[in-house]
Amino acid sequence: MGSTLVVECSRCGGLLLKPAAQKTKTCPYCGTRVKVMKAKKLASARTANQASQILRHLKTKKGVSDHQP
């Protein structure tokens, strides 16, 4: 199993989880198709669970709830 990345949507700034091997991801907040190679990578984790914990921490620092618009 590969690593999981936390990336930022280039359009709305939403934080996304994605497997490292995935090339694109649709932002669940604004619907933009994010090209992972060009996206701002905020963190990497060995497991999806670790990445999820990192994502929650980053959202808290950013002042965003889990129910981002």
N, C-alpha and C. Protein backbone atom coordinates (compact mmCIF):
# COMPACT_ATOMS: atom_id res chain seq x y z
N MET A 1 0.85 -1.18 0.00
CA MET A 1 0.00 0.00 0.00
C MET A 1 0.89 1.24 0.00
N GLY A 2 0.56 2.23 -0.86
CA GLY A 2 1.36 3.44 -0.98
C GLY A 2 0.96 4.48 0.04
N SER A 3 1.65 5.60 -0.04
CA SER A 3 1.38 6.67 0.90
C SER A 3 0.16 7.48 0.47
N THR A 4 -0.33 8.30 1.39
CA THR A 4 -1.48 9.17 1.14
C THR A 4 -1.01 10.60 1.33
N LEU A 5 -1.43 11.48 0.42
CA LEU A 5 -1.04 12.88 0.48
C LEU A 5 -2.21 13.76 0.91
N VAL A 6 -1.87 14.88 1.53
CA VAL A 6 -2.83 15.93 1.81
C VAL A 6 -2.45 17.07 0.87
N VAL A 7 -3.38 17.46 0.00
CA VAL A 7 -3.12 18.52 -0.97
C VAL A 7 -4.19 19.60 -0.83
N GLU A 8 -3.89 20.77 -1.39
CA GLU A 8 -4.81 21.90 -1.33
C GLU A 8 -5.38 22.17 -2.72
N CYS A 9 -6.68 22.38 -2.79
CA CYS A 9 -7.33 22.72 -4.05
C CYS A 9 -6.83 24.09 -4.50
N SER A 10 -6.44 24.19 -5.77
CA SER A 10 -5.90 25.44 -6.29
C SER A 10 -6.98 26.51 -6.47
N ARG A 11 -8.23 26.09 -6.52
CA ARG A 11 -9.31 27.06 -6.72
C ARG A 11 -9.88 27.59 -5.41
N CYS A 12 -10.29 26.69 -4.51
CA CYS A 12 -10.98 27.14 -3.29
C CYS A 12 -10.13 27.01 -2.02
N GLY A 13 -8.99 26.32 -2.11
CA GLY A 13 -8.15 26.16 -0.93
C GLY A 13 -8.58 25.01 -0.03
N GLY A 14 -9.58 24.23 -0.46
CA GLY A 14 -10.03 23.08 0.31
C GLY A 14 -8.92 22.04 0.44
N LEU A 15 -8.90 21.34 1.55
CA LEU A 15 -7.88 20.32 1.79
C LEU A 15 -8.41 18.95 1.41
N LEU A 16 -7.61 18.19 0.66
CA LEU A 16 -8.03 16.91 0.12
C LEU A 16 -7.05 15.81 0.49
N LEU A 17 -7.57 14.60 0.65
CA LEU A 17 -6.73 13.40 0.82
C LEU A 17 -6.72 12.66 -0.50
N LYS A 18 -5.57 12.09 -0.85
CA LYS A 18 -5.50 11.29 -2.07
C LYS A 18 -4.34 10.33 -2.01
N PRO A 19 -4.51 9.16 -2.60
CA PRO A 19 -3.39 8.22 -2.69
C PRO A 19 -2.27 8.85 -3.52
N ALA A 20 -1.04 8.60 -3.16
CA ALA A 20 0.10 9.21 -3.84
C ALA A 20 0.12 8.89 -5.33
N ALA A 21 -0.37 7.72 -5.73
CA ALA A 21 -0.33 7.32 -7.13
C ALA A 21 -1.43 7.95 -7.98
N GLN A 22 -2.43 8.53 -7.37
CA GLN A 22 -3.56 9.12 -8.09
C GLN A 22 -3.12 10.41 -8.78
N LYS A 23 -3.50 10.59 -10.05
CA LYS A 23 -3.05 11.75 -10.83
C LYS A 23 -3.97 12.95 -10.71
N THR A 24 -5.26 12.73 -10.56
CA THR A 24 -6.21 13.83 -10.40
C THR A 24 -7.20 13.51 -9.29
N LYS A 25 -7.80 14.55 -8.76
CA LYS A 25 -8.78 14.41 -7.69
C LYS A 25 -9.79 15.53 -7.85
N THR A 26 -11.07 15.21 -7.75
CA THR A 26 -12.10 16.23 -7.81
C THR A 26 -12.31 16.78 -6.41
N CYS A 27 -12.24 18.10 -6.29
CA CYS A 27 -12.44 18.76 -5.01
C CYS A 27 -13.89 18.59 -4.59
N PRO A 28 -14.15 18.05 -3.39
CA PRO A 28 -15.53 17.85 -2.94
C PRO A 28 -16.22 19.17 -2.55
N TYR A 29 -15.46 20.24 -2.44
CA TYR A 29 -16.02 21.52 -2.01
C TYR A 29 -16.46 22.40 -3.18
N CYS A 30 -15.66 22.41 -4.28
CA CYS A 30 -15.99 23.30 -5.40
C CYS A 30 -16.12 22.57 -6.73
N GLY A 31 -15.77 21.27 -6.77
CA GLY A 31 -15.92 20.49 -7.98
C GLY A 31 -14.78 20.62 -8.98
N THR A 32 -13.77 21.38 -8.66
CA THR A 32 -12.62 21.54 -9.55
C THR A 32 -11.83 20.25 -9.64
N ARG A 33 -11.37 19.92 -10.85
CA ARG A 33 -10.51 18.76 -11.06
C ARG A 33 -9.09 19.21 -10.75
N VAL A 34 -8.51 18.71 -9.66
CA VAL A 34 -7.18 19.10 -9.19
C VAL A 34 -6.15 18.16 -9.79
N LYS A 35 -5.17 18.72 -10.49
CA LYS A 35 -4.05 17.94 -11.00
C LYS A 35 -3.02 17.84 -9.88
N VAL A 36 -2.81 16.64 -9.40
CA VAL A 36 -2.01 16.43 -8.20
C VAL A 36 -0.56 16.88 -8.37
N MET A 37 0.00 16.70 -9.55
CA MET A 37 1.39 17.11 -9.77
C MET A 37 1.58 18.61 -9.60
N LYS A 38 0.52 19.39 -9.87
CA LYS A 38 0.60 20.84 -9.76
C LYS A 38 0.04 21.36 -8.44
N ALA A 39 -0.65 20.51 -7.69
CA ALA A 39 -1.28 20.93 -6.44
C ALA A 39 -0.25 21.17 -5.35
N LYS A 40 -0.60 22.05 -4.43
CA LYS A 40 0.25 22.30 -3.27
C LYS A 40 0.12 21.13 -2.32
N LYS A 41 1.23 20.42 -2.09
CA LYS A 41 1.24 19.27 -1.19
C LYS A 41 1.57 19.77 0.22
N LEU A 42 0.68 19.47 1.16
CA LEU A 42 0.85 19.95 2.52
C LEU A 42 1.46 18.91 3.44
N ALA A 43 1.21 17.63 3.16
CA ALA A 43 1.73 16.58 4.03
C ALA A 43 1.65 15.24 3.30
N SER A 44 2.40 14.28 3.84
CA SER A 44 2.38 12.91 3.34
C SER A 44 2.35 11.98 4.54
N ALA A 45 1.64 10.88 4.41
CA ALA A 45 1.54 9.91 5.50
C ALA A 45 1.62 8.50 4.94
N ARG A 46 2.04 7.57 5.76
CA ARG A 46 2.15 6.17 5.32
C ARG A 46 0.80 5.50 5.15
N THR A 47 -0.18 5.91 5.95
CA THR A 47 -1.50 5.30 5.88
C THR A 47 -2.57 6.37 5.73
N ALA A 48 -3.73 5.95 5.24
CA ALA A 48 -4.86 6.87 5.10
C ALA A 48 -5.31 7.38 6.46
N ASN A 49 -5.23 6.54 7.49
CA ASN A 49 -5.63 6.95 8.83
C ASN A 49 -4.72 8.08 9.34
N GLN A 50 -3.42 7.93 9.15
CA GLN A 50 -2.49 8.98 9.57
C GLN A 50 -2.76 10.26 8.79
N ALA A 51 -3.01 10.14 7.49
CA ALA A 51 -3.29 11.31 6.66
C ALA A 51 -4.56 12.00 7.12
N SER A 52 -5.57 11.23 7.51
CA SER A 52 -6.81 11.79 8.01
C SER A 52 -6.58 12.60 9.30
N GLN A 53 -5.75 12.09 10.17
CA GLN A 53 -5.41 12.80 11.40
C GLN A 53 -4.68 14.11 11.09
N ILE A 54 -3.75 14.06 10.14
CA ILE A 54 -3.03 15.26 9.72
C ILE A 54 -4.00 16.27 9.12
N LEU A 55 -4.92 15.79 8.28
CA LEU A 55 -5.92 16.66 7.66
C LEU A 55 -6.75 17.37 8.72
N ARG A 56 -7.23 16.64 9.72
CA ARG A 56 -8.02 17.26 10.80
C ARG A 56 -7.20 18.32 11.52
N HIS A 57 -5.93 18.04 11.78
CA HIS A 57 -5.05 19.00 12.46
C HIS A 57 -4.88 20.26 11.60
N LEU A 58 -4.64 20.09 10.30
CA LEU A 58 -4.46 21.24 9.40
C LEU A 58 -5.72 22.07 9.31
N LYS A 59 -6.89 21.42 9.27
CA LYS A 59 -8.15 22.15 9.23
C LYS A 59 -8.35 22.95 10.50
N THR A 60 -7.97 22.38 11.63
CA THR A 60 -8.09 23.08 12.90
C THR A 60 -7.18 24.32 12.92
N LYS A 61 -5.96 24.17 12.44
CA LYS A 61 -5.02 25.30 12.37
C LYS A 61 -5.54 26.38 11.42
N LYS A 62 -6.18 25.95 10.35
CA LYS A 62 -6.70 26.88 9.35
C LYS A 62 -8.03 27.49 9.78
N GLY A 63 -8.63 26.93 10.84
CA GLY A 63 -9.91 27.43 11.34
C GLY A 63 -11.08 26.96 10.51
N VAL A 64 -10.97 25.76 9.95
CA VAL A 64 -12.02 25.22 9.08
C VAL A 64 -12.60 23.98 9.74
N SER A 65 -13.92 23.87 9.71
CA SER A 65 -14.56 22.68 10.26
C SER A 65 -14.53 21.56 9.22
N ASP A 66 -14.92 20.35 9.63
CA ASP A 66 -14.99 19.22 8.71
C ASP A 66 -16.11 19.42 7.68
N HIS A 67 -16.99 20.35 7.90
CA HIS A 67 -18.11 20.59 7.00
C HIS A 67 -17.87 21.88 6.24
N GLN A 68 -16.74 21.94 5.53
CA GLN A 68 -16.36 23.11 4.76
C GLN A 68 -17.34 23.33 3.62
N PRO A 69 -17.70 24.60 3.32
CA PRO A 69 -18.66 24.86 2.23
C PRO A 69 -18.12 24.40 0.89
